[in-house]
Protein backbone atom coordinates (compact mmCIF):
# COMPACT_ATOMS: atom_id res chain seq x y z
CA MET A 1 -80.96 249.98 139.47
CA ASN A 2 -84.05 248.85 137.66
CA ILE A 3 -85.87 250.31 134.66
CA THR A 4 -89.54 249.43 134.57
CA ASN A 5 -91.11 248.16 131.37
CA GLN A 6 -93.23 251.31 131.18
CA ALA A 7 -90.12 253.51 131.46
CA ARG A 8 -88.29 251.38 128.87
CA ASP A 9 -91.20 251.62 126.43
CA ALA A 10 -91.36 255.41 126.86
CA LEU A 11 -87.58 255.85 126.70
CA ILE A 12 -86.88 253.90 123.50
CA PRO A 13 -88.65 256.41 121.19
CA VAL A 14 -86.90 259.30 122.99
CA LEU A 15 -83.51 257.69 122.44
CA GLN A 16 -84.34 257.07 118.79
CA SER A 17 -85.59 260.61 118.14
CA GLN A 18 -82.54 262.13 119.85
CA GLU A 19 -80.17 259.64 118.18
CA ALA A 20 -78.86 258.77 121.65
CA LYS A 21 -77.30 255.41 122.45
CA GLY A 22 -78.54 255.32 126.03
CA ILE A 23 -78.86 257.26 129.26
CA ARG A 24 -76.26 258.43 131.76
CA LEU A 25 -76.68 258.50 135.56
CA TYR A 26 -74.53 260.84 137.62
CA PHE A 27 -74.25 262.27 141.13
CA ILE A 28 -75.62 265.80 141.56
CA GLY A 29 -75.37 266.37 145.31
CA PHE A 30 -76.84 265.86 148.74
CA ASP A 31 -80.02 267.03 150.38
CA PRO A 32 -80.80 266.64 154.08
CA LYS A 33 -82.24 263.13 153.63
CA ASP A 34 -80.55 261.52 150.64
CA LEU A 35 -78.09 261.53 147.77
CA ASN A 36 -79.38 263.02 144.52
CA PHE A 37 -78.74 261.64 141.06
CA GLY A 38 -79.36 263.04 137.62
CA MET A 39 -80.14 261.39 134.32
CA SER A 40 -79.29 262.65 130.85
CA LEU A 41 -78.91 261.54 127.25
CA GLU A 42 -75.25 262.59 127.12
CA GLU A 43 -72.48 260.31 125.91
CA PRO A 44 -70.70 258.15 128.51
CA GLN A 45 -67.65 259.67 130.16
CA PRO A 46 -64.32 257.80 130.02
CA ASN A 47 -64.61 256.34 133.56
CA ASP A 48 -68.32 255.45 133.42
CA HIS A 49 -69.45 251.86 133.85
CA ILE A 50 -71.79 250.71 131.08
CA LYS A 51 -74.65 248.30 131.80
CA VAL A 52 -77.68 247.24 129.82
CA ILE A 53 -80.75 247.37 132.05
CA ASN A 54 -84.05 246.15 130.61
CA GLN A 55 -82.69 246.69 127.07
CA ILE A 56 -81.49 250.26 127.80
CA PRO A 57 -77.74 251.05 127.76
CA VAL A 58 -76.94 252.93 130.97
CA ALA A 59 -73.66 254.77 131.63
CA ILE A 60 -73.10 255.00 135.37
CA GLU A 61 -70.72 257.61 136.74
CA GLU A 62 -67.72 256.08 138.42
CA GLY A 63 -68.15 255.69 142.16
CA ILE A 64 -71.96 255.79 142.37
CA GLU A 65 -72.82 252.22 141.42
CA LYS A 66 -73.15 251.04 145.03
CA TYR A 67 -75.52 253.92 145.80
CA ILE A 68 -77.99 253.29 142.97
CA THR A 69 -78.80 249.62 143.55
CA ASP A 70 -82.20 250.48 145.06
CA LEU A 71 -83.19 253.05 142.42
CA VAL A 72 -86.01 252.53 139.92
CA LEU A 73 -86.49 254.53 136.73
CA GLU A 74 -90.24 254.86 136.24
CA TYR A 75 -92.39 256.70 133.75
CA GLU A 76 -95.51 258.41 135.01
CA ASN A 77 -98.10 259.45 132.45
CA ASP A 78 -98.89 262.65 134.30
CA ARG A 79 -96.79 265.81 134.09
CA ARG A 80 -93.83 264.23 135.89
CA GLY A 81 -92.73 261.94 133.05
CA PHE A 82 -89.53 260.06 133.92
CA VAL A 83 -88.75 259.84 137.62
CA ILE A 84 -86.01 258.12 139.59
CA LEU A 85 -87.43 256.56 142.75
CA SER A 86 -85.97 254.57 145.58
CA ARG A 87 -87.40 251.06 145.88
CA GLN A 88 -87.93 251.90 149.54
CA ARG A 89 -90.41 254.58 148.43
CA CYS A 90 -92.09 252.67 145.57
C-alpha cells in the first residue's frame, strides 16, 4: 500500500482533530470484480499488523496484507475526499 503525499497532508489534520493515532484498513467483502476494503480511524485490533506508511501509522487487518500491496490512498479535492485506488487503475 502507498499513501500519496496529498493524502498524507490531508489526513494528518484529521488524525489530530479526532485524536486518532492512525488509520485502520480492513476487509469488507467481495464484489463481482474485486475485493473491497474499508478504512477507519478506529484503534488497531489485537491481530492487526502495524506499519508506518508515508508518516501515517496504518493498522492492517490480519490476513489482508498480501491483497493490499497495489492499493493507493489518495485524496481528491472534489466531493470524493479520501479514496482507495488500485495502482492498476491509477
